[in-house]
N, C-alpha and C. Protein backbone atom coordinates (compact mmCIF):
# COMPACT_ATOMS: atom_id res chain seq x y z
N UNK A 1 -5.41 -9.28 42.75
CA UNK A 1 -4.81 -10.26 41.91
C UNK A 1 -5.13 -10.47 40.59
N UNK A 2 -3.07 -10.08 39.83
CA UNK A 2 -3.90 -9.61 38.17
C UNK A 2 -4.61 -11.13 36.91
N UNK A 3 -5.54 -10.20 36.89
CA UNK A 3 -6.18 -11.52 35.88
C UNK A 3 -5.17 -11.40 34.35
N UNK A 4 -5.97 -12.65 33.96
CA UNK A 4 -5.45 -13.24 33.13
C UNK A 4 -4.22 -12.31 31.68
N UNK A 5 -5.80 -11.98 30.85
CA UNK A 5 -5.21 -10.61 30.30
C UNK A 5 -4.16 -9.67 29.97
N UNK A 6 -4.41 -9.25 32.08
CA UNK A 6 -3.78 -7.83 32.14
C UNK A 6 -1.80 -9.19 31.58
N UNK A 7 -1.56 -10.49 32.81
CA UNK A 7 -0.34 -10.89 32.57
C UNK A 7 -0.55 -10.25 31.09
N UNK A 8 -0.84 -11.24 29.88
CA UNK A 8 -0.14 -11.74 29.22
C UNK A 8 -0.15 -9.79 28.09
N UNK A 9 -0.26 -8.77 28.90
CA UNK A 9 -0.02 -7.54 27.74
C UNK A 9 1.03 -6.94 28.83
N UNK A 10 1.42 -7.60 29.83
CA UNK A 10 3.00 -7.85 30.59
C UNK A 10 4.01 -8.14 29.35
N UNK A 11 2.97 -9.40 28.87
CA UNK A 11 4.24 -10.42 28.29
C UNK A 11 4.93 -9.51 26.36
N UNK A 12 3.52 -8.36 26.33
CA UNK A 12 3.34 -8.84 24.67
C UNK A 12 4.61 -6.70 24.98
N UNK A 13 4.07 -6.11 26.40
CA UNK A 13 4.77 -4.96 26.82
C UNK A 13 5.81 -5.55 26.91
N UNK A 14 6.84 -6.30 27.48
CA UNK A 14 8.28 -7.01 27.14
C UNK A 14 8.38 -7.68 25.78
N UNK A 15 7.88 -7.93 25.66
CA UNK A 15 8.34 -8.34 24.32
C UNK A 15 8.66 -6.84 23.47
N UNK A 16 7.56 -6.02 23.12
CA UNK A 16 8.08 -4.99 22.75
C UNK A 16 9.07 -4.53 23.15
N UNK A 17 9.42 -4.25 24.20
CA UNK A 17 10.51 -3.11 25.76
C UNK A 17 12.19 -3.64 24.26
N UNK A 18 11.76 -5.35 24.81
CA UNK A 18 12.84 -6.69 23.99
C UNK A 18 13.31 -5.79 22.17
N UNK A 19 11.77 -5.51 21.83
CA UNK A 19 12.45 -5.71 19.43
C UNK A 19 12.80 -4.11 20.66
N UNK A 20 12.69 -2.88 21.34
CA UNK A 20 13.17 -1.51 20.51
C UNK A 20 14.75 -2.24 20.65
N UNK A 21 15.37 -2.53 21.43
CA UNK A 21 16.75 -2.67 21.34
C UNK A 21 17.28 -4.34 20.43
N UNK A 22 16.69 -4.62 20.58
CA UNK A 22 16.95 -5.62 18.78
C UNK A 22 17.38 -5.56 17.78
N UNK A 23 16.78 -4.45 17.72
CA UNK A 23 16.77 -3.89 16.50
C UNK A 23 18.02 -3.74 15.81
N UNK A 24 18.64 -2.93 16.89
CA UNK A 24 19.84 -2.87 16.36
C UNK A 24 21.01 -3.78 16.33
N UNK A 25 20.36 -5.39 16.02
CA UNK A 25 20.86 -5.84 15.95
C UNK A 25 22.09 -6.72 16.62
N UNK A 26 22.47 -8.47 16.20
CA UNK A 26 22.35 -9.03 17.14
C UNK A 26 24.75 -8.32 17.41
N UNK A 27 24.85 -8.09 16.40
CA UNK A 27 26.22 -7.37 17.25
C UNK A 27 26.55 -6.33 17.92
N UNK A 28 25.67 -5.96 18.10
CA UNK A 28 25.96 -4.94 19.40
C UNK A 28 24.53 -5.59 20.97
N UNK A 29 24.04 -6.48 19.96
CA UNK A 29 23.09 -7.29 22.00
C UNK A 29 25.03 -7.73 22.16
N UNK A 30 25.50 -8.75 21.39
CA UNK A 30 26.91 -9.04 21.44
C UNK A 30 27.70 -7.91 22.68
N UNK A 31 28.40 -7.00 22.15
CA UNK A 31 28.87 -5.85 22.31
C UNK A 31 28.33 -4.63 23.38
N UNK A 32 27.10 -4.47 23.45
CA UNK A 32 26.80 -3.87 24.87
C UNK A 32 25.91 -4.92 26.28
N UNK A 33 26.76 -4.54 26.73
CA UNK A 33 26.39 -4.76 28.02
C UNK A 33 24.77 -4.70 28.22
N UNK A 34 24.71 -3.50 28.25
CA UNK A 34 23.32 -2.67 28.60
C UNK A 34 21.82 -3.26 28.06
N UNK A 35 22.40 -3.24 26.85
CA UNK A 35 21.40 -4.02 25.44
C UNK A 35 21.16 -5.06 26.06
N UNK A 36 21.90 -6.20 26.93
CA UNK A 36 22.24 -7.70 27.39
C UNK A 36 21.20 -7.86 27.98
N UNK A 37 21.36 -6.73 29.66
CA UNK A 37 20.73 -7.25 30.82
C UNK A 37 19.02 -6.49 30.39
N UNK A 38 19.12 -5.62 29.33
CA UNK A 38 17.99 -4.60 29.34
C UNK A 38 17.10 -6.01 28.98
N UNK A 39 17.85 -6.81 27.67
CA UNK A 39 16.77 -8.16 27.19
C UNK A 39 16.70 -9.25 27.98
N UNK A 40 17.47 -9.56 28.74
CA UNK A 40 18.08 -10.44 29.50
C UNK A 40 16.61 -9.95 31.13
N UNK A 41 16.30 -8.94 31.56
CA UNK A 41 15.85 -8.64 31.83
C UNK A 41 14.05 -8.63 31.46
N UNK A 42 13.71 -8.51 30.48
CA UNK A 42 12.96 -8.58 29.80
C UNK A 42 11.86 -10.53 29.17
N UNK A 43 13.24 -11.30 29.14
CA UNK A 43 12.95 -11.85 29.33
C UNK A 43 12.38 -12.99 30.63
N UNK A 44 13.13 -12.15 31.85
CA UNK A 44 12.61 -13.35 32.17
C UNK A 44 11.01 -12.64 33.33
N UNK A 45 11.03 -11.49 33.00
CA UNK A 45 9.33 -10.25 32.85
C UNK A 45 8.48 -11.26 32.32
N UNK A 46 8.46 -12.05 30.80
CA UNK A 46 7.95 -12.15 30.00
C UNK A 46 7.95 -14.22 31.40
N UNK A 47 9.01 -14.79 31.73
CA UNK A 47 8.54 -15.03 31.65
C UNK A 47 7.83 -15.53 33.45
N UNK A 48 8.16 -14.58 34.07
CA UNK A 48 7.75 -14.53 35.94
C UNK A 48 5.66 -14.24 35.32
N UNK A 49 5.30 -13.52 33.90
CA UNK A 49 4.20 -13.44 34.24
C UNK A 49 3.05 -14.87 33.49
N UNK A 50 3.98 -15.49 32.95
CA UNK A 50 3.56 -15.78 32.16
C UNK A 50 3.60 -17.70 33.40
N UNK A 51 4.32 -17.53 34.23
CA UNK A 51 4.66 -18.53 35.52
C UNK A 51 3.37 -18.37 36.27
N UNK A 52 2.32 -17.45 36.14
CA UNK A 52 1.98 -16.56 37.48
C UNK A 52 0.28 -16.58 36.79
N UNK A 53 0.07 -17.46 35.19
CA UNK A 53 -0.26 -17.50 34.73
C UNK A 53 -1.56 -18.88 35.27
N UNK A 54 -0.63 -19.45 35.27
CA UNK A 54 -1.01 -21.31 36.22
C UNK A 54 -0.81 -21.72 36.16
N UNK A 55 -1.18 -22.97 36.08
CA UNK A 55 -1.19 -24.66 35.25
C UNK A 55 -2.21 -24.92 34.47
N UNK A 56 -3.67 -24.43 34.92
CA UNK A 56 -5.46 -24.61 34.55
C UNK A 56 -4.93 -23.70 33.82
N UNK A 57 -4.98 -22.20 33.70
CA UNK A 57 -4.10 -21.47 32.18
C UNK A 57 -3.57 -22.47 31.38
N UNK A 58 -2.11 -22.46 31.25
CA UNK A 58 -1.16 -22.98 30.58
C UNK A 58 -2.54 -24.04 29.98
N UNK A 59 -2.79 -24.80 30.84
CA UNK A 59 -3.68 -25.95 29.65
C UNK A 59 -4.69 -25.84 29.29
N UNK A 60 -5.42 -25.18 29.86
CA UNK A 60 -6.50 -23.96 28.43
C UNK A 60 -5.84 -23.32 27.45
N UNK A 61 -4.20 -23.31 26.83
CA UNK A 61 -4.06 -22.51 25.61
C UNK A 61 -2.53 -23.25 25.43
N UNK A 62 -2.74 -24.74 24.82
CA UNK A 62 -1.52 -25.70 24.94
C UNK A 62 -1.19 -24.69 23.73
N UNK A 63 -1.49 -23.71 22.84
CA UNK A 63 -1.50 -23.60 21.70
C UNK A 63 0.58 -22.85 21.98
N UNK A 64 0.27 -22.28 22.51
CA UNK A 64 1.80 -21.56 23.13
C UNK A 64 2.76 -22.18 23.78
N UNK A 65 3.57 -21.65 23.78
CA UNK A 65 5.20 -22.50 25.12
C UNK A 65 5.44 -22.28 26.66
N UNK A 66 4.23 -22.77 27.60
CA UNK A 66 4.82 -22.30 28.47
C UNK A 66 5.97 -23.24 29.02
N UNK A 67 5.68 -23.98 29.07
CA UNK A 67 7.45 -25.03 29.96
C UNK A 67 7.89 -23.66 29.44
N UNK A 68 8.36 -24.38 28.53
CA UNK A 68 9.20 -23.46 27.35
C UNK A 68 9.67 -21.79 27.82
N UNK A 69 8.83 -20.98 28.69
CA UNK A 69 8.98 -19.83 28.22
C UNK A 69 9.28 -19.25 30.26
N UNK A 70 9.23 -20.78 30.86
CA UNK A 70 8.93 -20.91 31.72
C UNK A 70 10.35 -21.04 32.37
N UNK A 71 11.02 -22.14 31.83
CA UNK A 71 11.81 -22.48 31.41
C UNK A 71 13.73 -22.13 31.59
N UNK A 72 13.39 -20.87 30.15
CA UNK A 72 13.30 -19.50 30.04
C UNK A 72 13.78 -18.84 31.01
N UNK A 73 13.01 -18.34 31.17
CA UNK A 73 13.48 -16.97 32.65
C UNK A 73 13.75 -18.43 33.81
N UNK A 74 14.43 -19.77 34.16
CA UNK A 74 14.39 -20.18 35.40
C UNK A 74 15.99 -19.74 35.14
N UNK A 75 16.21 -19.92 33.82
CA UNK A 75 17.88 -19.47 33.33
C UNK A 75 18.14 -18.49 33.14
N UNK A 76 17.76 -17.78 32.75
CA UNK A 76 18.63 -16.80 32.62
C UNK A 76 18.17 -15.68 34.76
N UNK A 77 16.91 -16.63 35.06
CA UNK A 77 17.31 -15.85 36.85
C UNK A 77 18.36 -17.26 37.88
N UNK A 78 18.44 -18.24 37.20
CA UNK A 78 19.28 -18.68 38.37
C UNK A 78 20.65 -19.55 37.57
N UNK A 79 21.11 -19.03 36.93
CA UNK A 79 22.02 -19.69 35.85
C UNK A 79 23.07 -17.60 35.03
N UNK A 80 22.20 -16.35 36.00
CA UNK A 80 22.03 -15.31 34.79
C UNK A 80 24.26 -15.38 34.80
N UNK A 81 24.92 -15.52 35.80
CA UNK A 81 26.61 -15.45 34.50
C UNK A 81 27.13 -16.31 33.98
N UNK A 82 26.11 -17.77 33.89
CA UNK A 82 26.60 -18.86 33.20
C UNK A 82 25.60 -19.32 31.87
N UNK A 83 24.81 -17.71 31.06
CA UNK A 83 23.78 -17.60 30.52
C UNK A 83 24.55 -17.70 29.40
N UNK A 84 24.27 -17.88 28.17
CA UNK A 84 24.43 -18.54 26.37
C UNK A 84 24.02 -17.51 25.79
N UNK A 85 24.79 -16.58 25.27
CA UNK A 85 24.42 -15.02 24.95
C UNK A 85 23.49 -15.11 23.66
N UNK A 86 24.18 -16.40 22.70
CA UNK A 86 23.62 -16.67 21.53
C UNK A 86 22.41 -17.68 21.28
N UNK A 87 22.02 -18.39 22.04
CA UNK A 87 20.98 -19.20 22.26
C UNK A 87 19.97 -18.62 22.96
N UNK A 88 20.39 -17.25 24.19
CA UNK A 88 19.60 -15.67 24.13
C UNK A 88 19.08 -15.28 22.26
N UNK A 89 20.19 -14.59 22.08
CA UNK A 89 20.11 -13.97 20.31
C UNK A 89 19.18 -15.00 19.89
N UNK A 90 18.96 -16.22 18.78
CA UNK A 90 18.25 -17.49 18.66
C UNK A 90 17.35 -17.08 19.15
N UNK A 91 16.90 -17.12 20.76
CA UNK A 91 15.71 -16.44 21.34
C UNK A 91 14.83 -15.64 20.51
N UNK A 92 15.35 -14.64 20.63
CA UNK A 92 14.64 -13.39 20.32
C UNK A 92 14.23 -13.05 19.21
N UNK A 93 16.13 -14.10 18.61
CA UNK A 93 14.87 -13.25 16.38
C UNK A 93 14.01 -15.16 16.56
N UNK A 94 14.58 -16.72 17.36
CA UNK A 94 13.55 -17.17 16.77
C UNK A 94 12.56 -17.57 17.08
N UNK A 95 11.90 -16.73 18.68
CA UNK A 95 10.49 -17.94 19.03
C UNK A 95 9.94 -16.19 19.74
N UNK A 96 10.47 -15.73 19.78
CA UNK A 96 9.85 -13.90 20.49
C UNK A 96 8.62 -13.21 19.09
N UNK A 97 9.52 -13.00 17.91
CA UNK A 97 8.64 -12.73 17.27
C UNK A 97 6.44 -13.94 17.04
N UNK A 98 7.46 -15.59 16.64
CA UNK A 98 6.00 -16.13 16.94
C UNK A 98 6.03 -16.09 18.38
N UNK A 99 5.71 -15.99 19.30
CA UNK A 99 5.28 -15.58 21.29
C UNK A 99 4.08 -14.49 20.86
N UNK A 100 4.83 -13.93 20.18
CA UNK A 100 3.85 -12.17 19.87
C UNK A 100 3.25 -12.75 19.35
N UNK A 101 3.19 -13.03 18.49
CA UNK A 101 1.73 -13.30 17.42
C UNK A 101 1.10 -14.32 18.22
N UNK A 102 1.28 -15.14 19.42
CA UNK A 102 0.33 -16.65 19.52
C UNK A 102 0.31 -15.23 21.23
N UNK A 103 0.48 -14.58 21.95
CA UNK A 103 -0.51 -14.32 22.57
C UNK A 103 -0.94 -13.03 22.69
N UNK A 104 -0.91 -12.23 20.96
CA UNK A 104 -2.19 -11.63 20.55
C UNK A 104 -3.30 -12.01 20.28
N UNK A 105 -2.99 -13.13 19.84
CA UNK A 105 -4.62 -13.27 19.79
C UNK A 105 -5.00 -14.39 20.27
N UNK A 106 -4.50 -14.55 21.12
CA UNK A 106 -5.28 -15.31 22.58
C UNK A 106 -5.76 -14.19 22.97
N UNK A 107 -4.45 -12.95 23.91
CA UNK A 107 -4.92 -11.54 23.80
C UNK A 107 -6.77 -11.13 22.85
N UNK A 108 -6.76 -10.70 21.85
CA UNK A 108 -8.04 -10.83 21.19
C UNK A 108 -9.19 -11.52 21.07
N UNK A 109 -9.25 -13.31 21.38
CA UNK A 109 -9.76 -14.00 21.98
C UNK A 109 -10.40 -14.37 23.59
N UNK A 110 -9.43 -13.30 23.86
CA UNK A 110 -10.52 -13.18 26.10
C UNK A 110 -10.63 -11.99 25.40
N UNK A 111 -10.98 -10.75 25.33
CA UNK A 111 -11.69 -9.84 24.30
C UNK A 111 -13.10 -9.98 23.97
N UNK A 112 -12.90 -11.44 23.04
CA UNK A 112 -14.21 -11.00 22.09
C UNK A 112 -15.34 -12.03 23.22
N UNK A 113 -14.18 -12.90 24.13
CA UNK A 113 -14.54 -13.83 24.60
C UNK A 113 -15.77 -12.55 26.29
N UNK A 114 -14.89 -11.25 26.30
CA UNK A 114 -15.13 -10.54 27.68
C UNK A 114 -14.94 -11.42 28.79
N UNK A 115 -13.74 -12.22 29.04
CA UNK A 115 -12.95 -12.99 29.45
C UNK A 115 -12.23 -11.48 30.12
N UNK A 116 -11.63 -11.41 31.42
CA UNK A 116 -11.21 -10.11 33.14
C UNK A 116 -10.23 -9.88 31.83
N UNK A 117 -9.84 -8.66 33.07
CA UNK A 117 -8.57 -8.10 32.57
C UNK A 117 -8.38 -7.34 32.03
């Protein structure tokens, strides 16, 4: 079973991969199916890693919007052909930078506390 710190690092890795292609801008995202697929896949991975951390971990770290992260993953997975790309782009631009900072801070705290992973 993967440790929470490992799952958090999975989230950071997925965010970094999104950032790599999001840097090309909204127009490239809207026009290039491969970029859309790449970003949607990594949003899915972020949500999956977050979900697998479990309710107790979420409750111990309420500063991170776990429910919203998992909900976004569920939209991407279960409504793939109905996904609103404008909303996805807003998430990438507005929410991912804050999430990255929050997860980085949490990983640092866990490392300082000697928490597993």
